[in-house]
Amino acid sequence: KTMPNYFDEYDTTVHFISEEELKRDYSGIPHG
């Protein structure tokens, strides 16, 4: 949350999840 040039100027939410959850739910690279 305090990382300069990356997160410090934003409202940032951090979720701690398992490796399995990351692979299952967040494996893609969408954007727009």
PDB file of all heavy atoms in Angstrom:
ATOM      1  N   LYS A   1       0.803  -1.223   0.000  1.00  0.00           N
ATOM      2  CA  LYS A   1       0.000   0.000   0.000  1.00  0.00           C
ATOM      3  C   LYS A   1       0.835   1.272   0.000  1.00  0.00           C
ATOM      4  O   LYS A   1       0.354   2.324  -0.457  1.00  0.00           O
ATOM      5  CB  LYS A   1      -0.940  -0.003   1.211  1.00  0.00           C
ATOM      6  CG  LYS A   1      -2.055  -1.026   1.109  1.00  0.00           C
ATOM      7  CD  LYS A   1      -3.008  -0.920   2.290  1.00  0.00           C
ATOM      8  CE  LYS A   1      -4.224  -1.824   2.108  1.00  0.00           C
ATOM      9  NZ  LYS A   1      -5.182  -1.713   3.229  1.00  0.00           N
ATOM     10  N   THR A   2       2.068   1.192   0.475  1.00  0.00           N
ATOM     11  CA  THR A   2       2.911   2.391   0.551  1.00  0.00           C
ATOM     12  C   THR A   2       4.007   2.409  -0.521  1.00  0.00           C
ATOM     13  O   THR A   2       4.870   3.287  -0.494  1.00  0.00           O
ATOM     14  CB  THR A   2       3.569   2.491   1.937  1.00  0.00           C
ATOM     15  OG1 THR A   2       4.379   1.310   2.179  1.00  0.00           O
ATOM     16  CG2 THR A   2       2.531   2.629   3.031  1.00  0.00           C
ATOM     17  N   MET A   3       3.976   1.479  -1.466  1.00  0.00           N
ATOM     18  CA  MET A   3       5.033   1.397  -2.479  1.00  0.00           C
ATOM     19  C   MET A   3       4.994   2.619  -3.400  1.00  0.00           C
ATOM     20  O   MET A   3       4.013   2.848  -4.105  1.00  0.00           O
ATOM     21  CB  MET A   3       4.869   0.116  -3.301  1.00  0.00           C
ATOM     22  CG  MET A   3       6.056  -0.173  -4.214  1.00  0.00           C
ATOM     23  SD  MET A   3       5.786  -1.663  -5.220  1.00  0.00           S
ATOM     24  CE  MET A   3       5.682  -2.925  -3.941  1.00  0.00           C
ATOM     25  N   PRO A   4       6.069   3.416  -3.429  1.00  0.00           N
ATOM     26  CA  PRO A   4       6.083   4.621  -4.272  1.00  0.00           C
ATOM     27  C   PRO A   4       5.982   4.262  -5.753  1.00  0.00           C
ATOM     28  O   PRO A   4       6.507   3.242  -6.202  1.00  0.00           O
ATOM     29  CB  PRO A   4       7.454   5.248  -3.960  1.00  0.00           C
ATOM     30  CG  PRO A   4       7.893   4.648  -2.666  1.00  0.00           C
ATOM     31  CD  PRO A   4       7.302   3.268  -2.645  1.00  0.00           C
ATOM     32  N   ASN A   5       5.266   5.112  -6.503  1.00  0.00           N
ATOM     33  CA  ASN A   5       5.121   4.992  -7.956  1.00  0.00           C
ATOM     34  C   ASN A   5       4.235   3.823  -8.383  1.00  0.00           C
ATOM     35  O   ASN A   5       3.995   3.640  -9.577  1.00  0.00           O
ATOM     36  CB  ASN A   5       6.469   4.872  -8.664  1.00  0.00           C
ATOM     37  CG  ASN A   5       7.390   6.036  -8.366  1.00  0.00           C
ATOM     38  OD1 ASN A   5       6.947   7.179  -8.347  1.00  0.00           O
ATOM     39  ND2 ASN A   5       8.654   5.748  -8.115  1.00  0.00           N
ATOM     40  N   TYR A   6       3.778   3.021  -7.441  1.00  0.00           N
ATOM     41  CA  TYR A   6       2.935   1.882  -7.789  1.00  0.00           C
ATOM     42  C   TYR A   6       1.578   1.942  -7.079  1.00  0.00           C
ATOM     43  O   TYR A   6       0.528   1.858  -7.707  1.00  0.00           O
ATOM     44  CB  TYR A   6       3.643   0.560  -7.458  1.00  0.00           C
ATOM     45  CG  TYR A   6       4.730   0.200  -8.440  1.00  0.00           C
ATOM     46  CD1 TYR A   6       6.034   0.633  -8.249  1.00  0.00           C
ATOM     47  CD2 TYR A   6       4.446  -0.570  -9.560  1.00  0.00           C
ATOM     48  CE1 TYR A   6       7.032   0.307  -9.157  1.00  0.00           C
ATOM     49  CE2 TYR A   6       5.436  -0.908 -10.469  1.00  0.00           C
ATOM     50  CZ  TYR A   6       6.729  -0.461 -10.270  1.00  0.00           C
ATOM     51  OH  TYR A   6       7.716  -0.779 -11.162  1.00  0.00           O
ATOM     52  N   PHE A   7       1.605   2.054  -5.736  1.00  0.00           N
ATOM     53  CA  PHE A   7       0.352   1.930  -4.983  1.00  0.00           C
ATOM     54  C   PHE A   7       0.078   3.093  -4.034  1.00  0.00           C
ATOM     55  O   PHE A   7      -1.055   3.233  -3.566  1.00  0.00           O
ATOM     56  CB  PHE A   7       0.368   0.625  -4.172  1.00  0.00           C
ATOM     57  CG  PHE A   7       0.441  -0.607  -5.025  1.00  0.00           C
ATOM     58  CD1 PHE A   7       1.643  -1.278  -5.197  1.00  0.00           C
ATOM     59  CD2 PHE A   7      -0.691  -1.098  -5.670  1.00  0.00           C
ATOM     60  CE1 PHE A   7       1.722  -2.415  -5.987  1.00  0.00           C
ATOM     61  CE2 PHE A   7      -0.626  -2.240  -6.462  1.00  0.00           C
ATOM     62  CZ  PHE A   7       0.584  -2.892  -6.624  1.00  0.00           C
ATOM     63  N   ASP A   8       1.078   3.895  -3.711  1.00  0.00           N
ATOM     64  CA  ASP A   8       0.896   4.870  -2.639  1.00  0.00           C
ATOM     65  C   ASP A   8      -0.126   5.960  -2.966  1.00  0.00           C
ATOM     66  O   ASP A   8      -0.691   6.570  -2.066  1.00  0.00           O
ATOM     67  CB  ASP A   8       2.240   5.499  -2.240  1.00  0.00           C
ATOM     68  CG  ASP A   8       2.905   6.272  -3.371  1.00  0.00           C
ATOM     69  OD1 ASP A   8       2.669   5.920  -4.550  1.00  0.00           O
ATOM     70  OD2 ASP A   8       3.648   7.221  -3.083  1.00  0.00           O
ATOM     71  N   GLU A   9      -0.395   6.200  -4.253  1.00  0.00           N
ATOM     72  CA  GLU A   9      -1.345   7.250  -4.625  1.00  0.00           C
ATOM     73  C   GLU A   9      -2.757   6.712  -4.874  1.00  0.00           C
ATOM     74  O   GLU A   9      -3.633   7.445  -5.337  1.00  0.00           O
ATOM     75  CB  GLU A   9      -0.848   7.983  -5.872  1.00  0.00           C
ATOM     76  CG  GLU A   9       0.447   8.759  -5.647  1.00  0.00           C
ATOM     77  CD  GLU A   9       0.862   9.539  -6.883  1.00  0.00           C
ATOM     78  OE1 GLU A   9       0.123   9.486  -7.898  1.00  0.00           O
ATOM     79  OE2 GLU A   9       1.902  10.195  -6.830  1.00  0.00           O
ATOM     80  N   TYR A  10      -2.968   5.422  -4.581  1.00  0.00           N
ATOM     81  CA  TYR A  10      -4.255   4.783  -4.880  1.00  0.00           C
ATOM     82  C   TYR A  10      -4.871   4.179  -3.622  1.00  0.00           C
ATOM     83  O   TYR A  10      -4.163   3.797  -2.691  1.00  0.00           O
ATOM     84  CB  TYR A  10      -4.065   3.661  -5.907  1.00  0.00           C
ATOM     85  CG  TYR A  10      -3.514   4.105  -7.230  1.00  0.00           C
ATOM     86  CD1 TYR A  10      -2.136   4.226  -7.429  1.00  0.00           C
ATOM     87  CD2 TYR A  10      -4.365   4.403  -8.291  1.00  0.00           C
ATOM     88  CE1 TYR A  10      -1.626   4.634  -8.650  1.00  0.00           C
ATOM     89  CE2 TYR A  10      -3.868   4.801  -9.516  1.00  0.00           C
ATOM     90  CZ  TYR A  10      -2.491   4.922  -9.697  1.00  0.00           C
ATOM     91  OH  TYR A  10      -1.996   5.319 -10.894  1.00  0.00           O
ATOM     92  N   ASP A  11      -6.204   4.047  -3.632  1.00  0.00           N
ATOM     93  CA  ASP A  11      -6.869   3.221  -2.636  1.00  0.00           C
ATOM     94  C   ASP A  11      -6.658   1.770  -3.061  1.00  0.00           C
ATOM     95  O   ASP A  11      -7.113   1.348  -4.133  1.00  0.00           O
ATOM     96  CB  ASP A  11      -8.363   3.547  -2.585  1.00  0.00           C
ATOM     97  CG  ASP A  11      -8.621   4.916  -1.973  1.00  0.00           C
ATOM     98  OD1 ASP A  11      -7.779   5.379  -1.180  1.00  0.00           O
ATOM     99  OD2 ASP A  11      -9.659   5.517  -2.309  1.00  0.00           O
ATOM    100  N   THR A  12      -5.926   1.023  -2.235  1.00  0.00           N
ATOM    101  CA  THR A  12      -5.496  -0.333  -2.594  1.00  0.00           C
ATOM    102  C   THR A  12      -6.034  -1.340  -1.594  1.00  0.00           C
ATOM    103  O   THR A  12      -5.915  -1.150  -0.380  1.00  0.00           O
ATOM    104  CB  THR A  12      -3.951  -0.413  -2.627  1.00  0.00           C
ATOM    105  OG1 THR A  12      -3.456   0.531  -3.585  1.00  0.00           O
ATOM    106  CG2 THR A  12      -3.483  -1.806  -3.004  1.00  0.00           C
ATOM    107  N   THR A  13      -6.625  -2.416  -2.112  1.00  0.00           N
ATOM    108  CA  THR A  13      -7.123  -3.510  -1.286  1.00  0.00           C
ATOM    109  C   THR A  13      -6.248  -4.730  -1.520  1.00  0.00           C
ATOM    110  O   THR A  13      -5.961  -5.085  -2.668  1.00  0.00           O
ATOM    111  CB  THR A  13      -8.580  -3.851  -1.637  1.00  0.00           C
ATOM    112  OG1 THR A  13      -9.374  -2.671  -1.519  1.00  0.00           O
ATOM    113  CG2 THR A  13      -9.123  -4.930  -0.718  1.00  0.00           C
ATOM    114  N   VAL A  14      -5.823  -5.386  -0.431  1.00  0.00           N
ATOM    115  CA  VAL A  14      -4.967  -6.567  -0.529  1.00  0.00           C
ATOM    116  C   VAL A  14      -5.725  -7.773   0.012  1.00  0.00           C
ATOM    117  O   VAL A  14      -6.217  -7.757   1.144  1.00  0.00           O
ATOM    118  CB  VAL A  14      -3.654  -6.375   0.257  1.00  0.00           C
ATOM    119  CG1 VAL A  14      -2.789  -7.635   0.175  1.00  0.00           C
ATOM    120  CG2 VAL A  14      -2.885  -5.157  -0.276  1.00  0.00           C
ATOM    121  N   HIS A  15      -5.824  -8.828  -0.804  1.00  0.00           N
ATOM    122  CA  HIS A  15      -6.455 -10.088  -0.394  1.00  0.00           C
ATOM    123  C   HIS A  15      -5.374 -11.170  -0.350  1.00  0.00           C
ATOM    124  O   HIS A  15      -4.642 -11.358  -1.335  1.00  0.00           O
ATOM    125  CB  HIS A  15      -7.530 -10.530  -1.393  1.00  0.00           C
ATOM    126  CG  HIS A  15      -8.576  -9.496  -1.677  1.00  0.00           C
ATOM    127  ND1 HIS A  15      -9.669  -9.302  -0.859  1.00  0.00           N
ATOM    128  CD2 HIS A  15      -8.694  -8.607  -2.691  1.00  0.00           C
ATOM    129  CE1 HIS A  15     -10.431  -8.339  -1.370  1.00  0.00           C
ATOM    130  NE2 HIS A  15      -9.855  -7.903  -2.475  1.00  0.00           N
ATOM    131  N   PHE A  16      -5.277 -11.877   0.752  1.00  0.00           N
ATOM    132  CA  PHE A  16      -4.349 -13.014   0.840  1.00  0.00           C
ATOM    133  C   PHE A  16      -5.141 -14.283   0.537  1.00  0.00           C
ATOM    134  O   PHE A  16      -6.153 -14.576   1.184  1.00  0.00           O
ATOM    135  CB  PHE A  16      -3.703 -13.078   2.217  1.00  0.00           C
ATOM    136  CG  PHE A  16      -2.720 -11.967   2.454  1.00  0.00           C
ATOM    137  CD1 PHE A  16      -3.087 -10.834   3.178  1.00  0.00           C
ATOM    138  CD2 PHE A  16      -1.441 -12.040   1.924  1.00  0.00           C
ATOM    139  CE1 PHE A  16      -2.189  -9.799   3.374  1.00  0.00           C
ATOM    140  CE2 PHE A  16      -0.531 -10.995   2.110  1.00  0.00           C
ATOM    141  CZ  PHE A  16      -0.911  -9.883   2.846  1.00  0.00           C
ATOM    142  N   ILE A  17      -4.688 -15.017  -0.479  1.00  0.00           N
ATOM    143  CA  ILE A  17      -5.403 -16.208  -0.924  1.00  0.00           C
ATOM    144  C   ILE A  17      -4.398 -17.346  -1.103  1.00  0.00           C
ATOM    145  O   ILE A  17      -3.183 -17.147  -1.052  1.00  0.00           O
ATOM    146  CB  ILE A  17      -6.163 -15.958  -2.245  1.00  0.00           C
ATOM    147  CG1 ILE A  17      -5.185 -15.588  -3.368  1.00  0.00           C
ATOM    148  CG2 ILE A  17      -7.224 -14.875  -2.060  1.00  0.00           C
ATOM    149  CD1 ILE A  17      -5.850 -15.440  -4.729  1.00  0.00           C
ATOM    150  N   SER A  18      -4.918 -18.541  -1.342  1.00  0.00           N
ATOM    151  CA  SER A  18      -4.050 -19.700  -1.541  1.00  0.00           C
ATOM    152  C   SER A  18      -3.546 -19.750  -2.984  1.00  0.00           C
ATOM    153  O   SER A  18      -4.107 -19.111  -3.885  1.00  0.00           O
ATOM    154  CB  SER A  18      -4.806 -20.992  -1.230  1.00  0.00           C
ATOM    155  OG  SER A  18      -5.811 -21.213  -2.216  1.00  0.00           O
ATOM    156  N   GLU A  19      -2.499 -20.535  -3.180  1.00  0.00           N
ATOM    157  CA  GLU A  19      -1.958 -20.711  -4.523  1.00  0.00           C
ATOM    158  C   GLU A  19      -2.991 -21.342  -5.446  1.00  0.00           C
ATOM    159  O   GLU A  19      -3.100 -20.990  -6.627  1.00  0.00           O
ATOM    160  CB  GLU A  19      -0.698 -21.583  -4.451  1.00  0.00           C
ATOM    161  CG  GLU A  19       0.143 -21.557  -5.706  1.00  0.00           C
ATOM    162  CD  GLU A  19       1.504 -22.177  -5.489  1.00  0.00           C
ATOM    163  OE1 GLU A  19       1.743 -22.782  -4.423  1.00  0.00           O
ATOM    164  OE2 GLU A  19       2.341 -22.050  -6.407  1.00  0.00           O
ATOM    165  N   GLU A  20      -3.780 -22.260  -4.893  1.00  0.00           N
ATOM    166  CA  GLU A  20      -4.816 -22.920  -5.682  1.00  0.00           C
ATOM    167  C   GLU A  20      -5.880 -21.910  -6.136  1.00  0.00           C
ATOM    168  O   GLU A  20      -6.345 -21.941  -7.279  1.00  0.00           O
ATOM    169  CB  GLU A  20      -5.484 -24.038  -4.871  1.00  0.00           C
ATOM    170  CG  GLU A  20      -4.588 -25.243  -4.602  1.00  0.00           C
ATOM    171  CD  GLU A  20      -3.490 -24.946  -3.568  1.00  0.00           C
ATOM    172  OE1 GLU A  20      -3.680 -24.000  -2.751  1.00  0.00           O
ATOM    173  OE2 GLU A  20      -2.452 -25.631  -3.597  1.00  0.00           O
ATOM    174  N   GLU A  21      -6.274 -21.006  -5.238  1.00  0.00           N
ATOM    175  CA  GLU A  21      -7.268 -19.988  -5.594  1.00  0.00           C
ATOM    176  C   GLU A  21      -6.736 -19.064  -6.686  1.00  0.00           C
ATOM    177  O   GLU A  21      -7.470 -18.683  -7.605  1.00  0.00           O
ATOM    178  CB  GLU A  21      -7.641 -19.166  -4.362  1.00  0.00           C
ATOM    179  CG  GLU A  21      -8.519 -19.891  -3.359  1.00  0.00           C
ATOM    180  CD  GLU A  21      -8.757 -19.040  -2.125  1.00  0.00           C
ATOM    181  OE1 GLU A  21      -7.789 -18.803  -1.363  1.00  0.00           O
ATOM    182  OE2 GLU A  21      -9.910 -18.595  -1.944  1.00  0.00           O
ATOM    183  N   LEU A  22      -5.464 -18.683  -6.580  1.00  0.00           N
ATOM    184  CA  LEU A  22      -4.885 -17.802  -7.585  1.00  0.00           C
ATOM    185  C   LEU A  22      -4.903 -18.456  -8.964  1.00  0.00           C
ATOM    186  O   LEU A  22      -5.291 -17.825  -9.956  1.00  0.00           O
ATOM    187  CB  LEU A  22      -3.447 -17.431  -7.198  1.00  0.00           C
ATOM    188  CG  LEU A  22      -2.776 -16.373  -8.094  1.00  0.00           C
ATOM    189  CD1 LEU A  22      -3.410 -15.007  -7.863  1.00  0.00           C
ATOM    190  CD2 LEU A  22      -1.274 -16.307  -7.841  1.00  0.00           C
ATOM    191  N   LYS A  23      -4.502 -19.718  -9.019  1.00  0.00           N
ATOM    192  CA  LYS A  23      -4.483 -20.423 -10.303  1.00  0.00           C
ATOM    193  C   LYS A  23      -5.893 -20.642 -10.833  1.00  0.00           C
ATOM    194  O   LYS A  23      -6.142 -20.547 -12.043  1.00  0.00           O
ATOM    195  CB  LYS A  23      -3.768 -21.770 -10.138  1.00  0.00           C
ATOM    196  CG  LYS A  23      -2.264 -21.644  -9.916  1.00  0.00           C
ATOM    197  CD  LYS A  23      -1.617 -23.009  -9.728  1.00  0.00           C
ATOM    198  CE  LYS A  23      -0.115 -22.874  -9.511  1.00  0.00           C
ATOM    199  NZ  LYS A  23       0.530 -24.191  -9.269  1.00  0.00           N
ATOM    200  N   ARG A  24      -6.834 -20.922  -9.952  1.00  0.00           N
ATOM    201  CA  ARG A  24      -8.203 -21.224 -10.381  1.00  0.00           C
ATOM    202  C   ARG A  24      -8.967 -19.980 -10.830  1.00  0.00           C
ATOM    203  O   ARG A  24      -9.655 -19.989 -11.848  1.00  0.00           O
ATOM    204  CB  ARG A  24      -8.945 -21.907  -9.230  1.00  0.00           C
ATOM    205  CG  ARG A  24     -10.372 -22.360  -9.596  1.00  0.00           C
ATOM    206  CD  ARG A  24     -11.128 -22.794  -8.340  1.00  0.00           C
ATOM    207  NE  ARG A  24     -11.393 -21.660  -7.460  1.00  0.00           N
ATOM    208  CZ  ARG A  24     -11.381 -21.735  -6.125  1.00  0.00           C
ATOM    209  NH1 ARG A  24     -11.106 -22.890  -5.518  1.00  0.00           N
ATOM    210  NH2 ARG A  24     -11.642 -20.660  -5.404  1.00  0.00           N
ATOM    211  N   ASP A  25      -8.828 -18.905 -10.066  1.00  0.00           N
ATOM    212  CA  ASP A  25      -9.692 -17.745 -10.272  1.00  0.00           C
ATOM    213  C   ASP A  25      -9.018 -16.561 -10.957  1.00  0.00           C
ATOM    214  O   ASP A  25      -9.705 -15.657 -11.453  1.00  0.00           O
ATOM    215  CB  ASP A  25     -10.253 -17.270  -8.922  1.00  0.00           C
ATOM    216  CG  ASP A  25     -11.068 -18.348  -8.225  1.00  0.00           C
ATOM    217  OD1 ASP A  25     -11.674 -19.179  -8.933  1.00  0.00           O
ATOM    218  OD2 ASP A  25     -11.082 -18.367  -6.977  1.00  0.00           O
ATOM    219  N   TYR A  26      -7.678 -16.533 -10.989  1.00  0.00           N
ATOM    220  CA  TYR A  26      -6.981 -15.336 -11.473  1.00  0.00           C
ATOM    221  C   TYR A  26      -5.823 -15.691 -12.407  1.00  0.00           C
ATOM    222  O   TYR A  26      -4.790 -15.028 -12.415  1.00  0.00           O
ATOM    223  CB  TYR A  26      -6.468 -14.508 -10.282  1.00  0.00           C
ATOM    224  CG  TYR A  26      -7.556 -14.170  -9.295  1.00  0.00           C
ATOM    225  CD1 TYR A  26      -7.678 -14.896  -8.101  1.00  0.00           C
ATOM    226  CD2 TYR A  26      -8.484 -13.174  -9.557  1.00  0.00           C
ATOM    227  CE1 TYR A  26      -8.698 -14.613  -7.199  1.00  0.00           C
ATOM    228  CE2 TYR A  26      -9.507 -12.886  -8.658  1.00  0.00           C
ATOM    229  CZ  TYR A  26      -9.602 -13.610  -7.480  1.00  0.00           C
ATOM    230  OH  TYR A  26     -10.613 -13.327  -6.591  1.00  0.00           O
ATOM    231  N   SER A  27      -5.997 -16.731 -13.222  1.00  0.00           N
ATOM    232  CA  SER A  27      -4.896 -17.179 -14.080  1.00  0.00           C
ATOM    233  C   SER A  27      -4.801 -16.392 -15.383  1.00  0.00           C
ATOM    234  O   SER A  27      -3.754 -16.379 -16.030  1.00  0.00           O
ATOM    235  CB  SER A  27      -5.058 -18.668 -14.405  1.00  0.00           C
ATOM    236  OG  SER A  27      -6.287 -18.896 -15.075  1.00  0.00           O
ATOM    237  N   GLY A  28      -5.877 -15.738 -15.781  1.00  0.00           N
ATOM    238  CA  GLY A  28      -5.868 -15.015 -17.046  1.00  0.00           C
ATOM    239  C   GLY A  28      -5.146 -13.678 -16.957  1.00  0.00           C
ATOM    240  O   GLY A  28      -4.718 -13.246 -15.873  1.00  0.00           O
ATOM    241  N   ILE A  29      -5.001 -13.024 -18.122  1.00  0.00           N
ATOM    242  CA  ILE A  29      -4.359 -11.704 -18.168  1.00  0.00           C
ATOM    243  C   ILE A  29      -5.273 -10.754 -18.945  1.00  0.00           C
ATOM    244  O   ILE A  29      -4.925 -10.230 -20.000  1.00  0.00           O
ATOM    245  CB  ILE A  29      -2.961 -11.776 -18.825  1.00  0.00           C
ATOM    246  CG1 ILE A  29      -2.162 -12.965 -18.306  1.00  0.00           C
ATOM    247  CG2 ILE A  29      -2.184 -10.481 -18.560  1.00  0.00           C
ATOM    248  CD1 ILE A  29      -0.808 -13.138 -18.963  1.00  0.00           C
ATOM    249  N   PRO A  30      -6.501 -10.512 -18.424  1.00  0.00           N
ATOM    250  CA  PRO A  30      -7.417  -9.594 -19.108  1.00  0.00           C
ATOM    251  C   PRO A  30      -7.012  -8.144 -18.877  1.00  0.00           C
ATOM    252  O   PRO A  30      -6.273  -7.836 -17.928  1.00  0.00           O
ATOM    253  CB  PRO A  30      -8.756  -9.893 -18.435  1.00  0.00           C
ATOM    254  CG  PRO A  30      -8.362 -10.252 -17.029  1.00  0.00           C
ATOM    255  CD  PRO A  30      -7.056 -11.014 -17.164  1.00  0.00           C
ATOM    256  N   HIS A  31      -7.464  -7.270 -19.726  1.00  0.00           N
ATOM    257  CA  HIS A  31      -7.264  -5.833 -19.493  1.00  0.00           C
ATOM    258  C   HIS A  31      -8.174  -5.056 -20.430  1.00  0.00           C
ATOM    259  O   HIS A  31      -9.028  -5.617 -21.092  1.00  0.00           O
ATOM    260  CB  HIS A  31      -5.800  -5.424 -19.679  1.00  0.00           C
ATOM    261  CG  HIS A  31      -5.355  -4.405 -18.667  1.00  0.00           C
ATOM    262  ND1 HIS A  31      -6.131  -3.330 -18.298  1.00  0.00           N
ATOM    263  CD2 HIS A  31      -4.212  -4.289 -17.953  1.00  0.00           C
ATOM    264  CE1 HIS A  31      -5.476  -2.608 -17.388  1.00  0.00           C
ATOM    265  NE2 HIS A  31      -4.317  -3.169 -17.156  1.00  0.00           N
ATOM    266  N   GLY A  32      -7.989  -3.757 -20.472  1.00  0.00           N
ATOM    267  CA  GLY A  32      -8.797  -2.894 -21.310  1.00  0.00           C
ATOM    268  C   GLY A  32      -8.816  -1.494 -20.751  1.00  0.00           C
ATOM    269  O   GLY A  32      -7.983  -1.126 -19.914  1.00  0.00           O
TER     270      GLY A  32
END
